[in-house]
Each structure stands twice: as structure tokens, then as C-alpha cells.
């Protein structure tokens, strides 16, 4: 039994006869009839009732229909996978992000993909906000967009990746109890640095502080997160930064604390409706897998009693170590 015989068999079934099946497959009727007879000889079963020139499925033929369709469907899927693998050898993925989803974080999530597909180029652009980012994705200027949710459109597909936590990052040496959450009601009089570009994030923080009856003391408005961190590390102000950047600030000496209530926002990827190209689809799968591994390890450590910051530090160190081992390859 071979694939062509099954293809002939299903064509006869689906086109109600040899004549139309042969026309559909662009083969001679004699060749198609011969293929059907060869299939029946190999199976040692008749598959059709033959009434003149007509072929009508008999019970044995009816049993073969679904398995034959599955075999051909699996074959098409295998061809699609291999074509995708070929297409993944070259090309690029265009990605948009926004200040709340910093380019550095997206670049970090891109690392595994770039190691797997070293010949694929990543083109990363940053947009002022979710609206501009979604417009760029819908217009085709970006294949993928990393954004916080919700997004101001119903015209894009959403892929949820997780929840972004904001932690309070304070200057080195700030006296505070780091083992307990910082009560946001105590934030009166604490100078803060905010990023002008992180508009949605600023609105979320302001909303949480209003609920705690806190009027924030904005000491500085700066262009981006790096400027926020610079002010923090130089003792000028505190800032709310996402977990990944908070761990980096901690390594540089900043005091990092969780807050009560906590501040969080869901995030993920947006793309145009329909199938993604193979490179973009692989990027989505790899990003999702990397974040899932990181988040699962953080949750495991927290369940064992580790603080969020320490769990994130340990999880990042473990994953970096594994990536380093993989990149070096086996030792001979």
C-alpha cells in the first residue's frame, strides 16, 4: 500500500466515480483504476461494488475511508512542518514593543530563539504606547507586538504570556524591612522617579495609590527606565520597576521590596488574524516556553517560602547557567 493508492481511493469516494476522480487528479482513468485494483489486491479485499462503470463503496471500503484520510492529513502536516523548517533557516522576525514591555526584556526572551535559529534576524522596534503598537501590527509593519493588556482593538489575535509585577526599587542603603511587603500607605513623602514614556504603567500605579489615599511625590520625570534606575542607584529617588529590571537593580545595590497591595498587569503578544509565518510562530512558542519555565521555577521557590525577589534571582541564575551549558555544547 502506498500514498498514491490511498489518494486514488479517496478521490473516487469524494468525486463519486473514476471519471471525475481522474479529472481532479489530472491522471488517466486507466492509471487510477489500476491503482485501485492494486490496492484491493494488497489488502485482499474488494473495496467497491462495481455496477457497470460505477464504483460504490462496500462495507470494507467504508472502513478504510477515515484511516486513509488520517494518513493523508498526517502527510500534509509533515510536509508543512518540513517546509516551515526550511523557511526557518533564513529571514527575520519584526517585533514591536512598548515602554511598559521594555526592549531589554523582549530581547532577553528572544535569546533562546536566536540560539536555536542563528540565521534568523530579530528586528525590534519600540512604540510610544499600546495603541501605536497595535496599529503597527495591524498595518503589517510588525509581525508580533509585545504589550500589556487590555489592548485598544478587537482586530488582533492575543497570546497571553503572564502577569508583570512592579516592585518598589529604592536607593542603596534605604532603611526598610525587606522581608515584609512595603505598605503603599507609607509612601507619603517618598520621592519618586517616573518614566514619561510608560504612560499606561503610570496610570496603573496612580490608580493603586489613589485607592490607598496616597498622593505621590514625583521628584523626577525621565525618558525611560534606564534613567529611572540611574536616579535610584544615585540616591535621588525611588521607582516602580518590573521584576526583571528590579532584580538587575538589586544586583547593583538597590533596595527592592514587594508592595502591599501589589501592582501587576497582564501582558502578552498581539498579531494579525490568521496563520503566522514559521519564524514568527516559532518565536511565539519559544517565548511562551521560556517564560513558563521561569515562572514555574519562581512559583516553586515561593511555595517553599522564598521571597519573590530571591525566587526571581535564583530562577534567573539557574536558567542562565543551563543556557551557558547548552551554548558551550558537550565536552569531549
Protein backbone atom coordinates (compact mmCIF):
# COMPACT_ATOMS: atom_id res chain seq x y z
CA UNK A 1 0.00 0.00 0.00
CA UNK A 2 1.37 3.43 -0.89
CA UNK A 3 0.23 7.03 -0.58
CA UNK A 4 -0.80 7.33 -4.22
CA UNK A 5 -3.14 4.33 -3.93
CA UNK A 6 -4.87 5.91 -0.91
CA UNK A 7 -5.10 9.20 -2.77
CA UNK A 8 -6.77 7.42 -5.73
CA UNK A 9 -9.15 5.61 -3.38
CA UNK A 10 -10.29 8.79 -1.62
CA UNK A 11 -10.62 10.70 -4.90
CA UNK A 12 -13.05 8.06 -6.20
CA UNK A 13 -15.02 8.24 -2.94
CA UNK A 14 -15.14 12.04 -2.79
CA UNK A 15 -15.81 12.63 -6.51
CA UNK A 16 -18.36 9.84 -7.00
CA UNK A 17 -16.54 7.84 -9.62
CA UNK A 18 -13.40 7.16 -11.58
CA UNK A 19 -14.03 9.72 -14.32
CA UNK A 20 -14.35 12.79 -12.08
CA UNK A 21 -11.61 11.49 -9.74
CA UNK A 22 -9.20 11.16 -12.67
CA UNK A 23 -10.04 14.66 -13.86
CA UNK A 24 -9.48 16.05 -10.36
CA UNK A 25 -6.09 14.34 -10.02
CA UNK A 26 -5.09 15.01 -13.66
CA UNK A 27 -4.33 11.33 -14.31
CA UNK A 28 -5.59 8.83 -16.87
CA UNK A 29 -8.64 6.83 -15.86
CA UNK A 30 -6.76 3.64 -16.65
CA UNK A 31 -3.96 4.56 -14.25
CA UNK A 32 -6.43 5.39 -11.49
CA UNK A 33 -8.39 2.16 -11.99
CA UNK A 34 -5.18 0.16 -11.98
CA UNK A 35 -4.11 1.83 -8.70
CA UNK A 36 -7.44 0.93 -7.07
CA UNK A 37 -7.18 -2.71 -8.22
CA UNK A 38 -3.60 -2.93 -6.93
CA UNK A 39 -4.74 -1.60 -3.52
CA UNK A 40 -7.50 -4.23 -3.37
CA UNK A 41 -5.04 -7.00 -4.26
CA UNK A 42 -2.65 -5.93 -1.50
CA UNK A 43 -5.49 -5.73 1.05
CA UNK A 44 -7.00 -8.99 -0.27
CA UNK A 45 -10.38 -7.23 -0.11
CA UNK A 46 -12.75 -5.66 -2.57
CA UNK A 47 -13.46 -2.03 -1.64
CA UNK A 48 -16.25 -1.21 -4.11
CA UNK A 49 -19.37 -2.71 -5.60
CA UNK A 50 -18.90 -2.49 -9.37
CA UNK A 51 -22.09 -1.79 -11.29
CA UNK A 52 -21.20 -1.18 -14.89
CA UNK A 53 -18.82 1.78 -14.90
CA UNK A 54 -19.86 2.91 -11.43
CA UNK A 55 -17.97 2.21 -8.21
CA UNK A 56 -19.96 2.20 -4.96
CA UNK A 57 -18.27 1.71 -1.58
CA UNK A 58 -18.90 -1.64 0.05
CA UNK A 59 -18.61 -2.16 3.85
CA UNK A 60 -14.86 -2.88 3.65
CA UNK A 61 -14.30 0.31 1.68
CA UNK A 62 -16.30 2.33 4.18
CA UNK A 63 -13.97 1.10 6.95
CA UNK A 64 -10.94 2.39 5.02
CA UNK A 65 -12.18 5.94 4.40
CA UNK A 66 -11.32 7.57 7.75
CA UNK A 67 -7.90 5.83 8.20
CA UNK A 68 -6.98 6.86 4.64
CA UNK A 69 -7.98 10.47 5.32
CA UNK A 70 -5.91 10.49 8.51
CA UNK A 71 -2.84 9.13 6.71
CA UNK A 72 -3.06 11.82 4.02
CA UNK A 73 -3.77 14.53 6.59
CA UNK A 74 -0.71 13.49 8.61
CA UNK A 75 1.37 13.51 5.45
CA UNK A 76 0.26 17.07 4.61
CA UNK A 77 1.05 18.15 8.19
CA UNK A 78 4.51 16.59 7.93
CA UNK A 79 5.16 18.43 4.67
CA UNK A 80 4.03 21.70 6.30
CA UNK A 81 6.38 21.15 9.24
CA UNK A 82 9.33 20.42 6.98
CA UNK A 83 8.55 23.42 4.78
CA UNK A 84 8.45 25.54 7.91
CA UNK A 85 11.81 24.11 8.99
CA UNK A 86 13.30 25.09 5.62
CA UNK A 87 11.84 28.58 5.83
CA UNK A 88 13.27 28.99 9.34
CA UNK A 89 16.81 28.79 8.00
CA UNK A 90 16.73 32.38 6.72
CA UNK A 91 14.72 35.55 7.17
CA UNK A 92 13.72 37.81 10.01
CA UNK A 93 11.04 38.43 12.61
CA UNK A 94 9.81 42.01 13.05
CA UNK A 95 8.74 42.71 16.63
CA UNK A 96 7.21 45.76 18.23
CA UNK A 97 7.22 46.59 21.91
CA UNK A 98 6.28 49.48 24.19
CA UNK A 99 7.91 51.17 27.21
CA UNK A 100 5.95 49.06 29.70
CA UNK A 101 7.32 45.96 27.93
CA UNK A 102 10.88 47.19 27.68
CA UNK A 103 13.05 46.25 24.72
CA UNK A 104 15.60 44.72 27.10
CA UNK A 105 13.03 42.27 28.46
CA UNK A 106 11.87 41.27 24.98
CA UNK A 107 15.50 40.88 23.91
CA UNK A 108 16.06 38.57 26.87
CA UNK A 109 13.06 36.47 25.85
CA UNK A 110 14.46 36.38 22.30
CA UNK A 111 17.70 34.73 23.38
CA UNK A 112 16.55 31.11 23.18
CA UNK A 113 15.05 31.66 19.74
CA UNK A 114 18.25 33.28 18.47
CA UNK A 115 20.35 30.38 19.76
CA UNK A 116 18.09 27.86 18.02
CA UNK A 117 17.92 29.84 14.77
CA UNK A 118 21.18 31.81 14.48
CA UNK A 119 20.48 32.84 10.88
CA UNK A 120 17.14 34.50 11.69
CA UNK A 121 17.40 38.23 12.29
CA UNK A 122 15.35 39.93 15.01
CA UNK A 123 14.13 43.44 14.09
CA UNK A 124 12.90 45.11 17.30
CA UNK A 125 11.16 48.49 17.43
CA UNK A 126 9.62 50.40 20.35
CA UNK A 127 6.36 52.34 20.10
CA UNK A 128 5.02 55.03 22.48
CA UNK A 129 2.03 53.02 23.66
CA UNK A 130 -0.33 50.12 23.13
CA UNK A 131 -2.43 51.98 20.56
CA UNK A 132 0.52 52.84 18.32
CA UNK A 133 1.92 49.32 18.70
CA UNK A 134 -1.38 47.67 17.74
CA UNK A 135 -1.73 49.99 14.73
CA UNK A 136 1.74 48.97 13.54
CA UNK A 137 0.96 45.27 13.92
CA UNK A 138 -2.41 45.56 12.16
CA UNK A 139 -0.82 47.51 9.30
CA UNK A 140 1.82 44.80 8.86
CA UNK A 141 4.82 46.88 9.94
CA UNK A 142 5.42 44.37 12.77
CA UNK A 143 4.57 40.68 12.77
CA UNK A 144 4.42 40.47 16.56
CA UNK A 145 3.78 43.02 19.30
CA UNK A 146 4.64 42.63 22.98
CA UNK A 147 2.19 44.64 25.07
CA UNK A 148 0.39 44.87 28.35
CA UNK A 149 -3.34 44.10 28.27
CA UNK A 150 -6.00 45.14 27.55
CA UNK A 151 -5.34 46.43 24.05
CA UNK A 152 -7.46 49.10 22.34
CA UNK A 153 -8.61 46.93 19.40
CA UNK A 154 -10.59 43.79 18.58
CA UNK A 155 -8.84 43.26 15.25
CA UNK A 156 -5.79 41.34 16.52
CA UNK A 157 -5.17 37.87 17.94
CA UNK A 158 -3.96 37.80 21.56
CA UNK A 159 -1.47 35.37 23.11
CA UNK A 160 -1.37 35.69 26.90
CA UNK A 161 2.09 35.18 28.38
CA UNK A 162 1.72 36.07 32.05
CA UNK A 163 1.46 38.86 34.59
CA UNK A 164 4.06 41.61 35.03
CA UNK A 165 4.80 42.54 38.64
CA UNK A 166 6.04 46.00 39.60
CA UNK A 167 8.28 46.24 42.66
CA UNK A 168 9.37 49.32 44.59
CA UNK A 169 13.08 49.96 43.98
CA UNK A 170 14.79 52.32 46.42
CA UNK A 171 18.30 53.81 46.69
CA UNK A 172 21.11 51.70 48.15
CA UNK A 173 21.15 51.78 51.93
CA UNK A 174 17.49 52.79 52.33
CA UNK A 175 16.42 51.54 55.77
CA UNK A 176 13.37 49.30 55.39
CA UNK A 177 12.15 45.82 56.24
CA UNK A 178 12.84 43.85 53.05
CA UNK A 179 11.33 40.59 54.31
CA UNK A 180 7.83 42.08 54.52
CA UNK A 181 5.80 43.88 51.84
CA UNK A 182 6.07 47.66 51.89
CA UNK A 183 2.70 49.17 52.74
CA UNK A 184 1.90 51.64 49.98
CA UNK A 185 0.07 53.80 52.52
CA UNK A 186 3.57 54.65 53.84
CA UNK A 187 4.62 56.14 50.50
CA UNK A 188 3.70 59.71 51.58
CA UNK A 189 6.75 61.94 51.11
CA UNK A 190 8.87 59.29 49.32
CA UNK A 191 10.35 60.94 46.18
CA UNK A 192 9.60 59.00 43.02
CA UNK A 193 11.05 58.98 39.50
CA UNK A 194 8.63 58.10 36.71
CA UNK A 195 9.16 57.42 33.02
CA UNK A 196 7.38 59.83 30.67
CA UNK A 197 7.03 57.09 28.08
CA UNK A 198 5.42 54.48 30.36
CA UNK A 199 2.01 56.12 30.28
CA UNK A 200 -0.11 53.04 30.94
CA UNK A 201 2.15 51.91 33.77
CA UNK A 202 2.00 55.36 35.38
CA UNK A 203 -1.80 55.26 35.22
CA UNK A 204 -1.88 51.83 36.89
CA UNK A 205 0.45 52.96 39.69
CA UNK A 206 -1.51 56.18 40.20
CA UNK A 207 -4.76 54.25 40.40
CA UNK A 208 -3.42 51.89 43.06
CA UNK A 209 -2.01 54.81 45.08
CA UNK A 210 -5.33 56.66 44.92
CA UNK A 211 -7.06 53.65 46.42
CA UNK A 212 -4.53 53.82 49.26
CA UNK A 213 -5.18 57.59 49.66
CA UNK A 214 -1.57 58.36 48.72
CA UNK A 215 -0.57 61.47 46.75
CA UNK A 216 2.75 60.51 45.11
CA UNK A 217 5.69 62.89 45.37
CA UNK A 218 7.02 62.97 41.81
CA UNK A 219 10.59 64.21 42.11
CA UNK A 220 11.62 63.48 38.50
CA UNK A 221 10.08 62.67 35.14
CA UNK A 222 12.59 60.97 32.86
CA UNK A 223 12.52 59.49 29.35
CA UNK A 224 12.92 55.78 30.11
CA UNK A 225 13.52 53.03 32.67
CA UNK A 226 17.30 53.31 32.50
CA UNK A 227 17.09 56.92 33.62
CA UNK A 228 14.79 55.84 36.45
CA UNK A 229 17.28 53.23 37.57
CA UNK A 230 20.17 55.69 37.34
CA UNK A 231 18.38 58.11 39.67
CA UNK A 232 17.59 55.29 42.10
CA UNK A 233 21.16 53.99 42.19
CA UNK A 234 22.44 57.51 42.77
CA UNK A 235 20.15 58.03 45.73
CA UNK A 236 17.90 60.68 44.18
CA UNK A 237 14.54 58.87 44.12
CA UNK A 238 12.69 55.58 44.22
CA UNK A 239 10.82 53.98 41.31
CA UNK A 240 8.38 51.23 40.45
CA UNK A 241 10.12 48.81 38.10
CA UNK A 242 9.14 45.41 36.63
CA UNK A 243 10.53 42.29 38.26
CA UNK A 244 13.26 41.62 35.70
CA UNK A 245 14.65 45.15 35.97
CA UNK A 246 14.20 45.13 39.76
CA UNK A 247 16.49 42.10 40.01
CA UNK A 248 19.10 43.93 37.92
CA UNK A 249 18.82 46.96 40.21
CA UNK A 250 19.19 44.70 43.26
CA UNK A 251 22.44 43.29 41.88
CA UNK A 252 23.72 46.86 41.59
CA UNK A 253 22.92 47.61 45.21
CA UNK A 254 19.38 48.98 45.17
CA UNK A 255 16.90 48.03 47.89
CA UNK A 256 13.96 46.16 46.35
CA UNK A 257 10.70 45.40 48.13
CA UNK A 258 7.33 43.94 47.28
CA UNK A 259 4.36 46.17 47.99
CA UNK A 260 1.01 45.75 49.67
CA UNK A 261 -1.20 45.89 47.72
CA UNK A 262 0.88 44.54 44.88
CA UNK A 263 0.89 46.15 41.44
CA UNK A 264 0.53 43.89 38.44
CA UNK A 265 -0.71 43.88 34.87
CA UNK A 266 -1.24 41.05 32.34
CA UNK A 267 0.90 41.04 29.20
CA UNK A 268 1.40 39.04 26.04
CA UNK A 269 1.71 39.13 22.27
CA UNK A 270 -0.60 40.51 19.59
CA UNK A 271 -0.52 39.57 15.91
CA UNK A 272 -2.73 39.84 12.85
CA UNK A 273 -5.52 37.27 12.44
CA UNK A 274 -4.57 34.13 10.58
CA UNK A 275 -1.53 31.91 10.49
CA UNK A 276 1.87 33.35 11.39
CA UNK A 277 4.88 32.71 9.22
CA UNK A 278 7.09 29.87 10.54
CA UNK A 279 9.71 32.14 12.11
CA UNK A 280 7.15 34.29 13.95
CA UNK A 281 5.19 31.22 15.07
CA UNK A 282 8.35 29.63 16.43
CA UNK A 283 9.23 32.87 18.22
CA UNK A 284 5.85 32.88 19.98
CA UNK A 285 6.22 29.24 21.03
CA UNK A 286 9.77 29.77 22.29
CA UNK A 287 8.88 32.93 24.25
CA UNK A 288 5.93 31.20 25.85
CA UNK A 289 8.06 28.17 26.81
CA UNK A 290 10.89 30.26 28.28
CA UNK A 291 8.54 32.39 30.36
CA UNK A 292 6.61 29.33 31.52
CA UNK A 293 9.83 27.69 32.75
CA UNK A 294 10.92 30.85 34.56
CA UNK A 295 7.53 31.47 36.15
CA UNK A 296 7.13 27.84 37.20
CA UNK A 297 10.50 27.89 38.94
CA UNK A 298 9.71 31.18 40.69
CA UNK A 299 6.38 29.79 41.87
CA UNK A 300 8.08 26.62 43.12
CA UNK A 301 10.61 28.62 45.14
CA UNK A 302 7.92 30.93 46.53
CA UNK A 303 5.87 27.94 47.63
CA UNK A 304 8.95 26.81 49.56
CA UNK A 305 8.99 30.13 51.43
CA UNK A 306 11.36 32.21 49.27
CA UNK A 307 10.50 35.85 48.64
CA UNK A 308 9.52 36.92 45.12
CA UNK A 309 12.79 38.83 44.61
CA UNK A 310 15.01 36.00 45.84
CA UNK A 311 12.99 33.46 43.84
CA UNK A 312 13.41 35.53 40.68
CA UNK A 313 17.15 35.93 41.30
CA UNK A 314 17.61 32.20 41.85
CA UNK A 315 15.44 31.21 38.87
CA UNK A 316 17.31 33.58 36.55
CA UNK A 317 20.67 32.28 37.78
CA UNK A 318 19.62 28.66 37.23
CA UNK A 319 18.25 29.31 33.74
CA UNK A 320 21.33 31.36 32.78
CA UNK A 321 23.54 28.51 33.96
CA UNK A 322 21.61 25.98 31.87
CA UNK A 323 21.75 28.22 28.81
CA UNK A 324 25.51 28.64 29.29
CA UNK A 325 25.98 24.87 29.40
CA UNK A 326 23.87 24.38 26.28
CA UNK A 327 25.70 27.12 24.37
CA UNK A 328 29.07 25.57 25.19
CA UNK A 329 27.88 22.18 23.96
CA UNK A 330 29.17 18.77 25.05
CA UNK A 331 32.68 18.49 26.40
CA UNK A 332 34.78 15.89 24.62
